Amino acid sequence: MAVIQTQGLTKRYGRVVAVEDLNLSVEEGEVFGLLGPNGSGKTTTILMLLGLTEPTAGEARVLGLDPMRQPLEVKARVGYLPDQVGFYGELTAWENLRYTTRLLGLPEAEARARIQEVLKRMGLWEVRERRVAAFSRGMRQRLGLAEVLLKRPKVAILDEPTLGLDPEAAREFLELIKGLKAEGITILLSSHLLHQVQEICDRVGLFHKGRLALLGTVEELSQRVLGGGYEIQLEASPGLEASIRALEGVARVEAEGGRYRVWATRDLRPELAQVAVAQGSLYSLTLRRPSLDEVYAHYFQEVAHAA
């Protein structure tokens, strides 16, 4: 079941088109990555899904609700972690979350139970009485995710959640996101850190100048942009390029002496080994999946070339 759907969703600021004709569907329990450079439309899309900015045209549905007509219902079911988490620095972690539970209208006993639960889950229980002004960015992000979980949301929207974190803190935060997915929470993740997106997202959408330019799994995008979802690195005798290109399933070949990079629609290692052995020598054969960084870079190279 789709929990986020948009149809022709568009946002203009005067003559500037921030998001244009967005048709998107995010399934229940999915981790979906919104990718793209700054100004490509990711945050504007999120704001429209939350009912925080009004579309110029088109419509959106979140859990079957219209964010513009039913903003409170959407906010009650959707947790949102912005790229800049705002807390009252002079208050403690506990006090900040207690303030949130009051806004949610939770009874005292339930509020205390939920705060204890999320602080322990985020590893912040021991610092619950520390003022947030003394928190590191990583601790603030954990507290932000704790605040999201107070709602027990069905959908979590995370905008650049690991931006500015050191590698270890980012890794820990990604593990927390994986935990949310394991619980069946649908996650919409906006980020430009592509290796992290590839690690946790089921599908991704690439924004370019307000439009959704590419949509699918990393393997599907590799097929479309690079010509193949498999990259095979071969070290063998020189002069095999023509024979490699003749193999069924080969999309692209780069050759430099006896080093070959082959992009293919399937795993061609057995066939490549036969070609190498039949026409010379085989030294090494390695299979790897193209990374999202490669897809991203190649796509924008093609865009620049076309321009």
Protein backbone atom coordinates (compact mmCIF):
# COMPACT_ATOMS: atom_id res chain seq x y z
CA MET A 1 0.00 0.00 0.00
CA ALA A 2 1.31 3.44 -0.90
CA VAL A 3 1.55 5.70 2.14
CA ILE A 4 2.89 8.72 0.23
CA GLN A 5 1.48 9.66 -3.16
CA THR A 6 1.75 12.75 -5.30
CA GLN A 7 0.11 13.55 -8.61
CA GLY A 8 1.32 16.48 -10.69
CA LEU A 9 2.64 18.16 -7.54
CA THR A 10 4.08 21.56 -8.43
CA LYS A 11 5.42 24.53 -6.48
CA ARG A 12 6.36 27.87 -8.02
CA TYR A 13 7.75 30.97 -6.37
CA GLY A 14 6.97 33.62 -8.92
CA ARG A 15 8.83 32.58 -12.06
CA VAL A 16 11.00 30.11 -10.19
CA VAL A 17 9.81 26.49 -10.37
CA ALA A 18 10.93 24.66 -7.21
CA VAL A 19 9.06 21.40 -7.93
CA GLU A 20 7.44 20.54 -11.25
CA ASP A 21 4.84 17.86 -12.00
CA LEU A 22 6.00 15.39 -9.35
CA ASN A 23 4.40 11.94 -9.56
CA LEU A 24 5.69 9.79 -6.71
CA SER A 25 4.55 6.74 -4.77
CA VAL A 26 6.26 5.46 -1.62
CA GLU A 27 5.16 2.05 -0.34
CA GLU A 28 4.44 1.05 3.23
CA GLY A 29 7.60 -0.04 5.08
CA GLU A 30 9.89 1.29 2.35
CA VAL A 31 12.99 3.42 2.85
CA PHE A 32 12.92 5.90 -0.03
CA GLY A 33 15.81 8.25 -0.76
CA LEU A 34 15.35 11.74 -2.19
CA LEU A 35 18.57 12.72 -3.95
CA GLY A 36 19.77 15.80 -5.72
CA PRO A 37 21.94 18.90 -5.36
CA ASN A 38 20.93 21.88 -3.24
CA GLY A 39 17.99 23.72 -4.76
CA SER A 40 16.75 20.69 -6.71
CA GLY A 41 13.39 20.52 -4.93
CA LYS A 42 13.88 17.94 -2.17
CA THR A 43 13.08 20.12 0.85
CA THR A 44 10.21 21.89 -0.93
CA THR A 45 8.68 18.48 -1.63
CA ILE A 46 8.97 17.55 2.05
CA LEU A 47 7.33 20.81 3.13
CA MET A 48 4.38 20.17 0.81
CA LEU A 49 3.99 16.63 2.16
CA LEU A 50 3.83 18.05 5.68
CA GLY A 51 1.36 20.80 4.80
CA LEU A 52 3.94 23.48 5.62
CA THR A 53 3.80 25.04 2.18
CA GLU A 54 0.93 25.08 -0.29
CA PRO A 55 1.31 23.50 -3.73
CA THR A 56 0.78 25.68 -6.78
CA ALA A 57 -0.78 22.73 -8.58
CA GLY A 58 -1.33 19.00 -8.20
CA GLU A 59 -2.02 17.10 -5.02
CA ALA A 60 -0.38 14.98 -2.34
CA ARG A 61 -1.64 12.29 0.00
CA VAL A 62 0.12 11.05 3.12
CA LEU A 63 -1.50 8.01 4.74
CA GLY A 64 -4.54 8.88 2.64
CA LEU A 65 -4.72 12.40 4.12
CA ASP A 66 -4.47 15.74 2.31
CA PRO A 67 -1.65 17.71 4.00
CA MET A 68 -3.24 21.07 3.14
CA ARG A 69 -6.77 20.22 4.26
CA GLN A 70 -5.79 17.93 7.14
CA PRO A 71 -2.40 19.22 8.36
CA LEU A 72 -2.90 18.35 12.03
CA GLU A 73 -3.90 14.77 11.21
CA VAL A 74 -0.80 14.40 9.03
CA LYS A 75 1.53 15.88 11.65
CA ALA A 76 0.07 13.59 14.31
CA ARG A 77 1.03 10.50 12.28
CA VAL A 78 4.26 11.66 10.62
CA GLY A 79 7.56 12.28 12.40
CA TYR A 80 9.79 14.96 10.88
CA LEU A 81 13.49 15.50 11.52
CA PRO A 82 14.63 18.71 9.75
CA ASP A 83 18.21 19.32 8.65
CA GLN A 84 18.63 21.81 11.50
CA VAL A 85 17.15 20.34 14.68
CA GLY A 86 15.78 23.03 17.00
CA PHE A 87 15.66 22.53 20.76
CA TYR A 88 15.65 24.87 23.75
CA GLY A 89 19.30 24.85 24.77
CA GLU A 90 18.66 25.97 28.34
CA LEU A 91 16.34 23.00 28.91
CA THR A 92 17.46 19.43 29.53
CA ALA A 93 16.84 16.58 27.12
CA TRP A 94 14.01 15.35 29.36
CA GLU A 95 12.43 18.82 29.57
CA ASN A 96 12.54 19.31 25.81
CA LEU A 97 10.77 16.01 25.22
CA ARG A 98 8.30 16.70 28.03
CA TYR A 99 7.39 19.94 26.26
CA THR A 100 6.77 17.94 23.06
CA THR A 101 4.52 15.45 24.86
CA ARG A 102 2.45 18.35 26.17
CA LEU A 103 2.01 19.59 22.62
CA LEU A 104 0.92 16.07 21.67
CA GLY A 105 -1.59 16.07 24.52
CA LEU A 106 -0.25 12.91 26.15
CA PRO A 107 -1.34 12.15 29.73
CA GLU A 108 1.38 12.51 32.37
CA ALA A 109 2.00 8.82 32.99
CA GLU A 110 2.08 7.92 29.31
CA ALA A 111 4.31 10.90 28.51
CA ARG A 112 6.89 9.85 31.11
CA ALA A 113 6.83 6.25 29.89
CA ARG A 114 7.35 7.27 26.26
CA ILE A 115 10.14 9.73 27.09
CA GLN A 116 11.98 7.07 29.08
CA GLU A 117 11.52 4.57 26.24
CA VAL A 118 12.86 6.81 23.46
CA LEU A 119 15.75 8.23 25.49
CA LYS A 120 16.95 4.74 26.35
CA ARG A 121 16.53 3.62 22.77
CA MET A 122 18.61 6.55 21.49
CA GLY A 123 21.31 6.03 24.11
CA LEU A 124 20.55 9.33 25.86
CA TRP A 125 19.11 8.09 29.15
CA GLU A 126 22.28 8.83 31.12
CA VAL A 127 22.34 12.45 29.90
CA ARG A 128 18.62 13.14 30.26
CA GLU A 129 19.27 15.88 32.86
CA ARG A 130 21.99 17.59 30.82
CA ARG A 131 21.14 20.86 29.09
CA VAL A 132 20.85 20.45 25.35
CA ALA A 133 23.14 23.45 24.78
CA ALA A 134 25.98 21.16 25.87
CA PHE A 135 25.05 18.40 23.40
CA SER A 136 27.18 17.57 20.38
CA ARG A 137 25.53 17.58 16.95
CA GLY A 138 25.32 13.80 17.03
CA MET A 139 23.55 13.88 20.39
CA ARG A 140 21.15 16.53 19.09
CA GLN A 141 20.35 14.32 16.10
CA ARG A 142 19.65 11.41 18.43
CA LEU A 143 17.41 13.63 20.51
CA GLY A 144 15.65 14.75 17.33
CA LEU A 145 14.98 11.14 16.38
CA ALA A 146 13.77 10.48 19.94
CA GLU A 147 11.30 13.33 19.49
CA VAL A 148 10.12 11.79 16.21
CA LEU A 149 9.54 8.45 17.95
CA LEU A 150 7.48 10.04 20.71
CA LYS A 151 4.59 10.12 18.21
CA ARG A 152 5.02 6.43 17.40
CA PRO A 153 4.72 7.50 13.76
CA LYS A 154 3.76 5.45 10.75
CA VAL A 155 5.97 7.62 8.54
CA ALA A 156 9.30 9.30 9.35
CA ILE A 157 10.65 12.07 7.12
CA LEU A 158 14.36 12.72 7.67
CA ASP A 159 16.02 15.70 5.97
CA GLU A 160 19.83 15.32 5.79
CA PRO A 161 19.92 13.45 9.13
CA THR A 162 23.65 12.65 9.09
CA LEU A 163 24.90 15.99 7.78
CA GLY A 164 27.82 17.21 9.86
CA LEU A 165 28.21 13.98 11.84
CA ASP A 166 31.59 12.28 12.16
CA PRO A 167 31.86 8.87 10.46
CA GLU A 168 31.21 6.85 13.63
CA ALA A 169 28.20 8.95 14.65
CA ALA A 170 26.83 8.71 11.10
CA ARG A 171 27.23 4.93 11.12
CA GLU A 172 25.41 4.66 14.44
CA PHE A 173 22.62 6.89 13.17
CA LEU A 174 22.18 4.74 10.07
CA GLU A 175 21.80 1.71 12.32
CA LEU A 176 19.02 3.54 14.18
CA ILE A 177 17.27 4.19 10.85
CA LYS A 178 17.57 0.51 9.96
CA GLY A 179 15.89 -0.25 13.27
CA LEU A 180 12.93 1.95 12.29
CA LYS A 181 12.61 0.08 9.01
CA ALA A 182 12.62 -3.25 10.86
CA GLU A 183 9.58 -2.01 12.79
CA GLY A 184 7.73 -1.32 9.56
CA ILE A 185 7.99 2.47 9.70
CA THR A 186 8.02 4.04 6.24
CA ILE A 187 10.99 6.38 5.86
CA LEU A 188 11.50 9.23 3.43
CA LEU A 189 15.18 10.18 3.54
CA SER A 190 16.59 13.29 1.91
CA SER A 191 20.37 13.29 1.57
CA HIS A 192 23.28 14.05 -0.73
CA LEU A 193 25.57 11.50 0.99
CA LEU A 194 25.09 8.84 -1.63
CA HIS A 195 27.02 5.97 -0.06
CA GLN A 196 24.78 6.23 2.98
CA VAL A 197 21.64 6.35 0.85
CA GLN A 198 22.73 3.25 -1.05
CA GLU A 199 23.32 1.40 2.22
CA ILE A 200 19.80 1.81 3.62
CA CYS A 201 17.35 2.80 0.85
CA ASP A 202 15.15 0.38 -1.07
CA ARG A 203 14.57 2.87 -3.90
CA VAL A 204 15.78 6.36 -4.73
CA GLY A 205 14.53 9.32 -6.72
CA LEU A 206 16.96 11.79 -8.27
CA PHE A 207 15.79 15.39 -8.49
CA HIS A 208 17.16 17.78 -11.07
CA LYS A 209 15.93 21.36 -11.36
CA GLY A 210 12.66 20.56 -9.63
CA ARG A 211 11.83 17.46 -11.65
CA LEU A 212 12.12 13.80 -10.71
CA ALA A 213 14.66 12.75 -13.32
CA LEU A 214 15.34 9.14 -12.25
CA LEU A 215 13.42 6.69 -10.09
CA GLY A 216 14.13 3.10 -9.07
CA THR A 217 16.51 0.79 -7.23
CA VAL A 218 20.25 1.42 -7.52
CA GLU A 219 20.52 -1.54 -9.89
CA GLU A 220 17.72 -0.17 -12.08
CA LEU A 221 19.36 3.25 -12.21
CA SER A 222 22.69 1.63 -13.07
CA GLN A 223 21.02 -0.11 -15.99
CA ARG A 224 19.52 3.15 -17.25
CA VAL A 225 22.45 5.50 -16.70
CA LEU A 226 25.53 3.29 -16.99
CA GLY A 227 24.02 0.71 -19.31
CA GLY A 228 24.43 -2.20 -16.91
CA GLY A 229 23.76 -3.18 -13.34
CA TYR A 230 26.98 -5.23 -13.15
CA GLU A 231 30.53 -3.98 -13.43
CA ILE A 232 33.21 -6.60 -14.06
CA GLN A 233 36.90 -5.75 -13.82
CA LEU A 234 39.11 -8.02 -15.90
CA GLU A 235 42.91 -8.28 -16.12
CA ALA A 236 43.99 -10.36 -19.10
CA SER A 237 45.92 -10.21 -22.33
CA PRO A 238 45.63 -7.00 -24.39
CA GLY A 239 43.49 -6.87 -27.52
CA LEU A 240 40.30 -8.52 -26.21
CA GLU A 241 38.02 -5.50 -26.47
CA ALA A 242 36.27 -6.52 -29.71
CA SER A 243 35.59 -10.06 -28.44
CA ILE A 244 34.23 -8.71 -25.17
CA ARG A 245 31.92 -6.27 -26.95
CA ALA A 246 30.50 -9.16 -28.98
CA LEU A 247 29.22 -10.96 -25.87
CA GLU A 248 25.48 -10.82 -25.31
CA GLY A 249 24.65 -8.61 -22.35
CA VAL A 250 27.65 -6.27 -22.63
CA ALA A 251 26.58 -2.63 -22.46
CA ARG A 252 29.88 -0.78 -22.30
CA VAL A 253 33.60 -1.57 -22.24
CA GLU A 254 36.60 0.51 -21.18
CA ALA A 255 40.02 -0.93 -22.03
CA GLU A 256 43.53 0.17 -21.13
CA GLY A 257 46.16 -2.34 -22.12
CA GLY A 258 45.19 -5.58 -20.46
CA ARG A 259 42.81 -3.93 -17.97
CA TYR A 260 39.12 -3.97 -18.84
CA ARG A 261 36.02 -2.53 -17.17
CA VAL A 262 32.87 -4.16 -18.49
CA TRP A 263 29.34 -2.99 -17.72
CA ALA A 264 26.76 -5.67 -18.36
CA THR A 265 23.10 -6.52 -17.80
CA ARG A 266 24.07 -9.80 -16.10
CA ASP A 267 27.05 -11.53 -14.50
CA LEU A 268 29.31 -12.35 -17.45
CA ARG A 269 32.33 -13.65 -15.55
CA PRO A 270 32.18 -17.20 -17.01
CA GLU A 271 32.02 -15.88 -20.59
CA LEU A 272 34.76 -13.32 -19.97
CA ALA A 273 37.01 -15.99 -18.49
CA GLN A 274 36.50 -18.18 -21.57
CA VAL A 275 37.39 -15.28 -23.89
CA ALA A 276 40.51 -14.43 -21.89
CA VAL A 277 41.78 -18.01 -21.68
CA ALA A 278 40.99 -18.77 -25.35
CA GLN A 279 42.85 -15.69 -26.62
CA GLY A 280 45.68 -15.35 -24.12
CA SER A 281 45.91 -15.26 -20.35
CA LEU A 282 43.55 -14.51 -17.47
CA TYR A 283 45.04 -12.81 -14.41
CA SER A 284 42.05 -11.61 -12.39
CA LEU A 285 38.28 -11.26 -12.62
CA THR A 286 36.24 -9.19 -10.16
CA LEU A 287 32.53 -8.45 -9.96
CA ARG A 288 31.20 -5.30 -8.32
CA ARG A 289 27.91 -3.47 -8.35
CA PRO A 290 28.12 0.13 -9.59
CA SER A 291 27.73 2.64 -6.79
CA LEU A 292 25.13 5.35 -6.53
CA ASP A 293 27.98 7.87 -6.65
CA GLU A 294 28.91 6.59 -10.12
CA VAL A 295 25.30 6.74 -11.32
CA TYR A 296 24.91 10.26 -9.95
CA ALA A 297 28.17 11.55 -11.44
CA HIS A 298 27.55 9.95 -14.85
CA TYR A 299 24.01 11.30 -15.03
CA PHE A 300 25.09 14.88 -14.38
CA GLN A 301 27.99 14.51 -16.83
CA GLU A 302 25.46 13.54 -19.48
CA VAL A 303 23.23 16.49 -18.50
CA ALA A 304 26.18 18.88 -18.77
CA HIS A 305 27.19 17.38 -22.12
CA ALA A 306 23.66 17.69 -23.47
CA ALA A 307 23.51 21.32 -22.34
